[in-house]
Amino acid sequence: MKSSISDEYKKWVENRVMTAYKNLSDNPNQGVNSNEVRDAVLAKIQARQNH
């Protein structure tokens, strides 16, 4: 069964979010890359609205 684009997009968004938080936890002294987290959160919100 072919997954829909929204499913692919949701997976991509989840990966963005996990990567952002993983980078944060891996480098706690570096500080958060706020743009990375913000973009991931906005993408997550947009994916939720588009569904």
N, C-alpha and C. Protein backbone atom coordinates (compact mmCIF):
# COMPACT_ATOMS: atom_id res chain seq x y z
N MET A 1 0.86 -1.20 0.00
CA MET A 1 0.00 0.00 0.00
C MET A 1 0.89 1.24 0.00
N LYS A 2 0.62 2.12 -0.94
CA LYS A 2 1.44 3.32 -1.08
C LYS A 2 1.02 4.35 -0.03
N SER A 3 2.02 4.85 0.70
CA SER A 3 1.69 5.84 1.72
C SER A 3 1.43 7.19 1.07
N SER A 4 0.54 7.95 1.67
CA SER A 4 0.20 9.25 1.11
C SER A 4 1.31 10.26 1.38
N ILE A 5 1.24 11.36 0.68
CA ILE A 5 2.25 12.41 0.86
C ILE A 5 2.18 12.94 2.29
N SER A 6 0.99 13.03 2.84
CA SER A 6 0.87 13.55 4.20
C SER A 6 1.58 12.64 5.19
N ASP A 7 1.53 11.33 4.97
CA ASP A 7 2.23 10.40 5.85
C ASP A 7 3.74 10.62 5.74
N GLU A 8 4.23 10.76 4.50
CA GLU A 8 5.65 11.01 4.29
C GLU A 8 6.05 12.32 4.96
N TYR A 9 5.21 13.34 4.81
CA TYR A 9 5.51 14.65 5.38
C TYR A 9 5.54 14.58 6.90
N LYS A 10 4.58 13.84 7.46
CA LYS A 10 4.55 13.72 8.93
C LYS A 10 5.81 13.02 9.44
N LYS A 11 6.27 11.99 8.70
CA LYS A 11 7.51 11.32 9.10
C LYS A 11 8.68 12.29 9.04
N TRP A 12 8.72 13.09 7.97
CA TRP A 12 9.80 14.07 7.81
C TRP A 12 9.77 15.08 8.95
N VAL A 13 8.58 15.54 9.31
CA VAL A 13 8.44 16.50 10.40
C VAL A 13 8.91 15.88 11.71
N GLU A 14 8.48 14.65 11.97
CA GLU A 14 8.91 13.98 13.20
C GLU A 14 10.42 13.88 13.26
N ASN A 15 11.03 13.55 12.12
CA ASN A 15 12.49 13.45 12.08
C ASN A 15 13.13 14.79 12.36
N ARG A 16 12.56 15.87 11.83
CA ARG A 16 13.08 17.21 12.07
C ARG A 16 13.03 17.53 13.57
N VAL A 17 11.90 17.22 14.18
CA VAL A 17 11.73 17.50 15.61
C VAL A 17 12.72 16.69 16.44
N MET A 18 12.79 15.39 16.14
CA MET A 18 13.69 14.52 16.91
C MET A 18 15.14 14.95 16.74
N THR A 19 15.51 15.33 15.52
CA THR A 19 16.89 15.76 15.27
C THR A 19 17.20 17.03 16.05
N ALA A 20 16.25 17.96 16.06
CA ALA A 20 16.47 19.21 16.78
C ALA A 20 16.68 18.95 18.26
N TYR A 21 15.83 18.10 18.85
CA TYR A 21 15.96 17.83 20.27
C TYR A 21 17.17 16.95 20.58
N LYS A 22 17.52 16.06 19.65
CA LYS A 22 18.70 15.22 19.84
C LYS A 22 19.95 16.10 19.83
N ASN A 23 20.00 17.04 18.89
CA ASN A 23 21.14 17.96 18.84
C ASN A 23 21.23 18.77 20.13
N LEU A 24 20.08 19.14 20.66
CA LEU A 24 20.05 19.91 21.90
C LEU A 24 20.59 19.08 23.06
N SER A 25 20.15 17.83 23.16
CA SER A 25 20.58 17.00 24.28
C SER A 25 22.02 16.53 24.12
N ASP A 26 22.47 16.38 22.86
CA ASP A 26 23.86 15.97 22.62
C ASP A 26 24.84 17.10 22.92
N ASN A 27 24.40 18.33 22.72
CA ASN A 27 25.28 19.48 22.91
C ASN A 27 24.65 20.50 23.86
N PRO A 28 24.48 20.13 25.13
CA PRO A 28 23.76 21.02 26.05
C PRO A 28 24.48 22.35 26.27
N ASN A 29 25.81 22.34 26.16
CA ASN A 29 26.57 23.57 26.42
C ASN A 29 26.54 24.52 25.23
N GLN A 30 26.17 23.97 24.07
CA GLN A 30 26.16 24.78 22.86
C GLN A 30 24.93 25.68 22.80
N GLY A 31 23.92 25.32 23.56
CA GLY A 31 22.68 26.07 23.50
C GLY A 31 21.81 25.56 22.37
N VAL A 32 20.54 25.90 22.45
CA VAL A 32 19.61 25.42 21.44
C VAL A 32 19.74 26.24 20.17
N ASN A 33 19.66 25.55 19.04
CA ASN A 33 19.54 26.25 17.76
C ASN A 33 18.07 26.60 17.61
N SER A 34 17.72 27.81 18.03
CA SER A 34 16.31 28.17 18.12
C SER A 34 15.62 28.13 16.76
N ASN A 35 16.34 28.47 15.69
CA ASN A 35 15.73 28.42 14.36
C ASN A 35 15.35 27.00 13.99
N GLU A 36 16.23 26.06 14.32
CA GLU A 36 15.96 24.66 13.99
C GLU A 36 14.72 24.16 14.71
N VAL A 37 14.64 24.47 16.00
CA VAL A 37 13.49 24.03 16.78
C VAL A 37 12.23 24.73 16.31
N ARG A 38 12.35 26.04 16.08
CA ARG A 38 11.17 26.79 15.64
C ARG A 38 10.64 26.25 14.32
N ASP A 39 11.54 26.01 13.36
CA ASP A 39 11.11 25.49 12.06
C ASP A 39 10.43 24.13 12.22
N ALA A 40 10.99 23.30 13.09
CA ALA A 40 10.42 21.97 13.30
C ALA A 40 9.03 22.07 13.91
N VAL A 41 8.88 22.96 14.89
CA VAL A 41 7.58 23.12 15.55
C VAL A 41 6.56 23.69 14.58
N LEU A 42 6.96 24.68 13.80
CA LEU A 42 6.04 25.26 12.81
C LEU A 42 5.62 24.21 11.79
N ALA A 43 6.57 23.39 11.35
CA ALA A 43 6.24 22.33 10.39
C ALA A 43 5.26 21.34 11.00
N LYS A 44 5.44 21.04 12.28
CA LYS A 44 4.55 20.10 12.97
C LYS A 44 3.13 20.68 13.04
N ILE A 45 3.04 21.96 13.37
CA ILE A 45 1.73 22.61 13.44
C ILE A 45 1.07 22.62 12.07
N GLN A 46 1.86 22.94 11.04
CA GLN A 46 1.32 23.00 9.69
C GLN A 46 0.84 21.63 9.23
N ALA A 47 1.60 20.60 9.56
CA ALA A 47 1.21 19.24 9.19
C ALA A 47 -0.12 18.88 9.85
N ARG A 48 -0.27 19.30 11.09
CA ARG A 48 -1.51 19.00 11.82
C ARG A 48 -2.69 19.72 11.16
N GLN A 49 -2.49 20.96 10.76
CA GLN A 49 -3.57 21.73 10.13
C GLN A 49 -3.93 21.16 8.76
N ASN A 50 -2.90 20.69 8.03
CA ASN A 50 -3.13 20.19 6.67
C ASN A 50 -3.85 18.84 6.67
N HIS A 51 -3.76 18.14 7.77
CA HIS A 51 -4.32 16.80 7.79
C HIS A 51 -5.84 16.84 7.84
